[in-house]
Amino acid sequence: MQRTGCWSSVTPVLLTYEQMCAYGLPATEGKRGDLRWPAFARRYGFDIEHPVQWEVEVLEPDELQRLVLAAVDPYIDRDVLAQQIAREEQQHRALERFAGR
């Protein structure tokens, strides 16, 4: 947001602690110096001196896609999306005509 100045707000999309537990994701060594770690460690009972992290990439691709789509769904303007899909279909037909198909 600060670099482009084009967004009025930014909502992080992340995996929650509860989801990490539910999916049984393995922990890996966390980044030393992450300023968010101490508060997270205290909140969930982790050792502040040994940061850990979890990567969403270990989820099955279909499940990761489902989670991302569910997170962004409330922000989708269905009218704008329908207009864009129609425009892309029109462009696709024009390209097919141009290519002689």
N, C-alpha and C. Protein backbone atom coordinates (compact mmCIF):
# COMPACT_ATOMS: atom_id res chain seq x y z
N MET A 1 0.83 -1.18 0.00
CA MET A 1 0.00 0.00 0.00
C MET A 1 0.87 1.25 0.00
N GLN A 2 1.93 1.26 0.81
CA GLN A 2 2.78 2.44 0.87
C GLN A 2 3.58 2.61 -0.41
N ARG A 3 3.96 1.51 -1.05
CA ARG A 3 4.80 1.63 -2.25
C ARG A 3 4.01 2.11 -3.45
N THR A 4 2.76 1.69 -3.59
CA THR A 4 2.01 2.05 -4.79
C THR A 4 1.03 3.18 -4.57
N GLY A 5 0.50 3.28 -3.37
CA GLY A 5 -0.47 4.32 -3.08
C GLY A 5 -1.82 4.09 -3.75
N CYS A 6 -2.05 2.88 -4.30
CA CYS A 6 -3.29 2.65 -5.04
C CYS A 6 -4.34 1.90 -4.24
N TRP A 7 -4.03 1.48 -3.02
CA TRP A 7 -5.00 0.72 -2.24
C TRP A 7 -5.49 1.57 -1.07
N SER A 8 -6.79 1.55 -0.82
CA SER A 8 -7.32 2.29 0.32
C SER A 8 -7.13 1.51 1.61
N SER A 9 -7.05 0.19 1.50
CA SER A 9 -6.78 -0.65 2.67
C SER A 9 -6.22 -1.99 2.20
N VAL A 10 -5.55 -2.66 3.10
CA VAL A 10 -4.98 -3.97 2.81
C VAL A 10 -5.41 -4.92 3.92
N THR A 11 -5.94 -6.08 3.54
CA THR A 11 -6.33 -7.09 4.50
C THR A 11 -5.44 -8.31 4.29
N PRO A 12 -4.60 -8.65 5.28
CA PRO A 12 -3.73 -9.82 5.11
C PRO A 12 -4.56 -11.10 5.01
N VAL A 13 -4.12 -12.00 4.18
CA VAL A 13 -4.73 -13.32 4.07
C VAL A 13 -3.68 -14.29 4.59
N LEU A 14 -4.00 -14.99 5.66
CA LEU A 14 -3.03 -15.86 6.27
C LEU A 14 -3.69 -17.09 6.86
N LEU A 15 -2.87 -18.04 7.21
CA LEU A 15 -3.33 -19.25 7.86
C LEU A 15 -3.41 -18.96 9.36
N THR A 16 -4.52 -19.27 9.97
CA THR A 16 -4.67 -19.01 11.40
C THR A 16 -4.03 -20.13 12.21
N TYR A 17 -3.78 -19.85 13.47
CA TYR A 17 -3.23 -20.86 14.37
C TYR A 17 -4.18 -22.06 14.46
N GLU A 18 -5.47 -21.77 14.51
CA GLU A 18 -6.46 -22.84 14.60
C GLU A 18 -6.43 -23.73 13.35
N GLN A 19 -6.26 -23.12 12.17
CA GLN A 19 -6.16 -23.91 10.93
C GLN A 19 -4.89 -24.74 10.93
N MET A 20 -3.79 -24.17 11.40
CA MET A 20 -2.54 -24.90 11.47
C MET A 20 -2.71 -26.15 12.32
N CYS A 21 -3.38 -26.01 13.45
CA CYS A 21 -3.63 -27.17 14.32
C CYS A 21 -4.56 -28.17 13.64
N ALA A 22 -5.63 -27.67 13.03
CA ALA A 22 -6.61 -28.56 12.40
C ALA A 22 -5.99 -29.36 11.25
N TYR A 23 -5.09 -28.74 10.49
CA TYR A 23 -4.46 -29.42 9.36
C TYR A 23 -3.24 -30.24 9.80
N GLY A 24 -2.81 -30.06 11.04
CA GLY A 24 -1.64 -30.79 11.52
C GLY A 24 -0.37 -30.44 10.76
N LEU A 25 -0.19 -29.16 10.44
CA LEU A 25 0.96 -28.74 9.65
C LEU A 25 2.24 -28.82 10.48
N PRO A 26 3.33 -29.27 9.86
CA PRO A 26 4.60 -29.35 10.59
C PRO A 26 5.23 -27.97 10.75
N ALA A 27 5.86 -27.77 11.89
CA ALA A 27 6.55 -26.50 12.15
C ALA A 27 7.97 -26.59 11.62
N THR A 28 8.48 -25.46 11.15
CA THR A 28 9.87 -25.35 10.75
C THR A 28 10.50 -24.23 11.57
N GLU A 29 11.82 -24.15 11.55
CA GLU A 29 12.49 -23.11 12.31
C GLU A 29 12.06 -21.74 11.80
N GLY A 30 11.70 -20.88 12.73
CA GLY A 30 11.24 -19.55 12.37
C GLY A 30 12.38 -18.58 12.16
N LYS A 31 12.03 -17.38 11.75
CA LYS A 31 13.00 -16.35 11.46
C LYS A 31 13.38 -15.61 12.74
N ARG A 32 14.64 -15.64 13.05
CA ARG A 32 15.12 -14.88 14.22
C ARG A 32 14.95 -13.39 13.92
N GLY A 33 14.52 -12.66 14.91
CA GLY A 33 14.35 -11.22 14.74
C GLY A 33 12.97 -10.81 14.24
N ASP A 34 12.06 -11.78 14.01
CA ASP A 34 10.69 -11.43 13.61
C ASP A 34 10.03 -10.75 14.79
N LEU A 35 9.69 -9.49 14.62
CA LEU A 35 9.13 -8.70 15.72
C LEU A 35 7.76 -9.19 16.18
N ARG A 36 7.09 -9.99 15.35
CA ARG A 36 5.76 -10.50 15.74
C ARG A 36 5.85 -11.74 16.61
N TRP A 37 7.00 -12.43 16.58
CA TRP A 37 7.12 -13.71 17.26
C TRP A 37 6.89 -13.65 18.77
N PRO A 38 7.48 -12.75 19.53
CA PRO A 38 7.28 -12.79 20.99
C PRO A 38 5.81 -12.75 21.41
N ALA A 39 5.02 -11.88 20.81
CA ALA A 39 3.60 -11.80 21.17
C ALA A 39 2.87 -13.08 20.79
N PHE A 40 3.18 -13.63 19.60
CA PHE A 40 2.56 -14.88 19.16
C PHE A 40 2.94 -16.00 20.11
N ALA A 41 4.23 -16.08 20.47
CA ALA A 41 4.71 -17.14 21.36
C ALA A 41 4.02 -17.07 22.72
N ARG A 42 3.91 -15.88 23.27
CA ARG A 42 3.23 -15.73 24.56
C ARG A 42 1.76 -16.13 24.46
N ARG A 43 1.12 -15.70 23.38
CA ARG A 43 -0.32 -15.97 23.23
C ARG A 43 -0.61 -17.46 23.13
N TYR A 44 0.26 -18.21 22.43
CA TYR A 44 -0.02 -19.63 22.18
C TYR A 44 0.91 -20.57 22.94
N GLY A 45 1.71 -20.05 23.85
CA GLY A 45 2.51 -20.90 24.72
C GLY A 45 3.76 -21.49 24.10
N PHE A 46 4.38 -20.78 23.16
CA PHE A 46 5.63 -21.24 22.56
C PHE A 46 6.82 -20.62 23.27
N ASP A 47 7.99 -21.22 23.06
CA ASP A 47 9.24 -20.72 23.62
C ASP A 47 9.67 -19.49 22.81
N ILE A 48 9.76 -18.36 23.46
CA ILE A 48 10.13 -17.11 22.77
C ILE A 48 11.52 -17.21 22.15
N GLU A 49 12.39 -17.99 22.76
CA GLU A 49 13.77 -18.11 22.27
C GLU A 49 13.92 -19.01 21.05
N HIS A 50 12.88 -19.76 20.71
CA HIS A 50 12.96 -20.71 19.59
C HIS A 50 11.78 -20.49 18.64
N PRO A 51 11.88 -19.48 17.77
CA PRO A 51 10.76 -19.20 16.85
C PRO A 51 10.52 -20.34 15.87
N VAL A 52 9.27 -20.58 15.59
CA VAL A 52 8.86 -21.56 14.59
C VAL A 52 7.88 -20.90 13.64
N GLN A 53 7.69 -21.53 12.50
CA GLN A 53 6.73 -21.03 11.52
C GLN A 53 6.12 -22.20 10.78
N TRP A 54 5.03 -21.92 10.10
CA TRP A 54 4.32 -22.92 9.31
C TRP A 54 4.12 -22.37 7.91
N GLU A 55 4.26 -23.21 6.92
CA GLU A 55 4.15 -22.78 5.53
C GLU A 55 2.87 -23.33 4.91
N VAL A 56 2.09 -22.46 4.28
CA VAL A 56 0.85 -22.91 3.65
C VAL A 56 1.12 -23.80 2.44
N GLU A 57 2.34 -23.76 1.91
CA GLU A 57 2.67 -24.54 0.72
C GLU A 57 2.57 -26.04 0.96
N VAL A 58 2.53 -26.48 2.23
CA VAL A 58 2.43 -27.91 2.49
C VAL A 58 0.98 -28.41 2.37
N LEU A 59 0.03 -27.49 2.27
CA LEU A 59 -1.36 -27.89 2.06
C LEU A 59 -1.54 -28.43 0.64
N GLU A 60 -2.52 -29.29 0.47
CA GLU A 60 -2.87 -29.76 -0.87
C GLU A 60 -3.27 -28.53 -1.70
N PRO A 61 -2.85 -28.46 -2.96
CA PRO A 61 -3.17 -27.29 -3.79
C PRO A 61 -4.67 -26.97 -3.84
N ASP A 62 -5.51 -27.98 -3.95
CA ASP A 62 -6.96 -27.72 -4.01
C ASP A 62 -7.47 -27.08 -2.72
N GLU A 63 -6.94 -27.53 -1.59
CA GLU A 63 -7.37 -26.97 -0.31
C GLU A 63 -6.84 -25.55 -0.14
N LEU A 64 -5.61 -25.30 -0.54
CA LEU A 64 -5.07 -23.95 -0.47
C LEU A 64 -5.88 -23.01 -1.35
N GLN A 65 -6.24 -23.46 -2.55
CA GLN A 65 -7.07 -22.64 -3.44
C GLN A 65 -8.42 -22.36 -2.80
N ARG A 66 -9.02 -23.36 -2.17
CA ARG A 66 -10.32 -23.17 -1.51
C ARG A 66 -10.22 -22.12 -0.41
N LEU A 67 -9.15 -22.19 0.39
CA LEU A 67 -8.97 -21.23 1.49
C LEU A 67 -8.78 -19.80 0.96
N VAL A 68 -7.97 -19.66 -0.09
CA VAL A 68 -7.73 -18.33 -0.64
C VAL A 68 -9.01 -17.76 -1.24
N LEU A 69 -9.72 -18.57 -2.01
CA LEU A 69 -10.96 -18.08 -2.62
C LEU A 69 -11.99 -17.70 -1.55
N ALA A 70 -12.07 -18.47 -0.48
CA ALA A 70 -13.00 -18.14 0.61
C ALA A 70 -12.60 -16.82 1.28
N ALA A 71 -11.29 -16.56 1.38
CA ALA A 71 -10.82 -15.34 2.02
C ALA A 71 -11.09 -14.10 1.18
N VAL A 72 -11.00 -14.22 -0.15
CA VAL A 72 -11.19 -13.04 -1.00
C VAL A 72 -12.63 -12.87 -1.47
N ASP A 73 -13.45 -13.90 -1.33
CA ASP A 73 -14.83 -13.86 -1.83
C ASP A 73 -15.63 -12.64 -1.36
N PRO A 74 -15.53 -12.25 -0.09
CA PRO A 74 -16.33 -11.08 0.35
C PRO A 74 -15.96 -9.78 -0.36
N TYR A 75 -14.80 -9.72 -1.00
CA TYR A 75 -14.32 -8.49 -1.62
C TYR A 75 -14.58 -8.44 -3.12
N ILE A 76 -15.16 -9.50 -3.67
CA ILE A 76 -15.37 -9.56 -5.12
C ILE A 76 -16.65 -8.82 -5.50
N ASP A 77 -16.54 -7.90 -6.42
CA ASP A 77 -17.70 -7.20 -6.97
C ASP A 77 -18.20 -8.06 -8.14
N ARG A 78 -19.30 -8.73 -7.95
CA ARG A 78 -19.81 -9.70 -8.94
C ARG A 78 -20.15 -9.03 -10.28
N ASP A 79 -20.63 -7.81 -10.25
CA ASP A 79 -20.95 -7.12 -11.50
C ASP A 79 -19.68 -6.84 -12.30
N VAL A 80 -18.66 -6.35 -11.63
CA VAL A 80 -17.39 -6.07 -12.30
C VAL A 80 -16.77 -7.37 -12.82
N LEU A 81 -16.84 -8.42 -12.03
CA LEU A 81 -16.30 -9.71 -12.46
C LEU A 81 -17.02 -10.21 -13.70
N ALA A 82 -18.34 -10.13 -13.73
CA ALA A 82 -19.11 -10.58 -14.89
C ALA A 82 -18.75 -9.76 -16.13
N GLN A 83 -18.59 -8.47 -15.96
CA GLN A 83 -18.21 -7.61 -17.09
C GLN A 83 -16.82 -8.00 -17.62
N GLN A 84 -15.90 -8.26 -16.71
CA GLN A 84 -14.54 -8.63 -17.12
C GLN A 84 -14.52 -9.97 -17.83
N ILE A 85 -15.28 -10.93 -17.32
CA ILE A 85 -15.35 -12.25 -17.97
C ILE A 85 -15.93 -12.11 -19.37
N ALA A 86 -16.99 -11.32 -19.53
CA ALA A 86 -17.58 -11.11 -20.84
C ALA A 86 -16.58 -10.45 -21.79
N ARG A 87 -15.83 -9.48 -21.28
CA ARG A 87 -14.81 -8.80 -22.10
C ARG A 87 -13.72 -9.78 -22.54
N GLU A 88 -13.27 -10.64 -21.62
CA GLU A 88 -12.24 -11.62 -21.97
C GLU A 88 -12.75 -12.63 -22.99
N GLU A 89 -14.01 -13.04 -22.86
CA GLU A 89 -14.59 -13.97 -23.84
C GLU A 89 -14.66 -13.31 -25.21
N GLN A 90 -15.02 -12.05 -25.25
CA GLN A 90 -15.08 -11.31 -26.51
C GLN A 90 -13.69 -11.22 -27.13
N GLN A 91 -12.68 -10.93 -26.34
CA GLN A 91 -11.31 -10.86 -26.84
C GLN A 91 -10.84 -12.24 -27.34
N HIS A 92 -11.23 -13.28 -26.65
CA HIS A 92 -10.85 -14.64 -27.05
C HIS A 92 -11.45 -14.98 -28.42
N ARG A 93 -12.72 -14.63 -28.60
CA ARG A 93 -13.37 -14.88 -29.90
C ARG A 93 -12.68 -14.07 -31.01
N ALA A 94 -12.32 -12.82 -30.72
CA ALA A 94 -11.64 -11.98 -31.71
C ALA A 94 -10.29 -12.59 -32.09
N LEU A 95 -9.56 -13.11 -31.12
CA LEU A 95 -8.28 -13.75 -31.41
C LEU A 95 -8.46 -15.02 -32.24
N GLU A 96 -9.51 -15.77 -31.94
CA GLU A 96 -9.77 -16.98 -32.74
C GLU A 96 -10.10 -16.62 -34.18
N ARG A 97 -10.89 -15.56 -34.39
CA ARG A 97 -11.20 -15.11 -35.75
C ARG A 97 -9.93 -14.67 -36.45
N PHE A 98 -9.09 -13.93 -35.74
CA PHE A 98 -7.85 -13.43 -36.32
C PHE A 98 -6.93 -14.60 -36.72
N ALA A 99 -6.92 -15.64 -35.90
CA ALA A 99 -6.07 -16.80 -36.18
C ALA A 99 -6.69 -17.73 -37.24
N GLY A 100 -7.90 -17.43 -37.66
CA GLY A 100 -8.54 -18.23 -38.69
C GLY A 100 -9.19 -19.51 -38.21
N ARG A 101 -9.59 -19.54 -37.00
CA ARG A 101 -10.24 -20.76 -36.47
C ARG A 101 -11.74 -20.63 -36.51
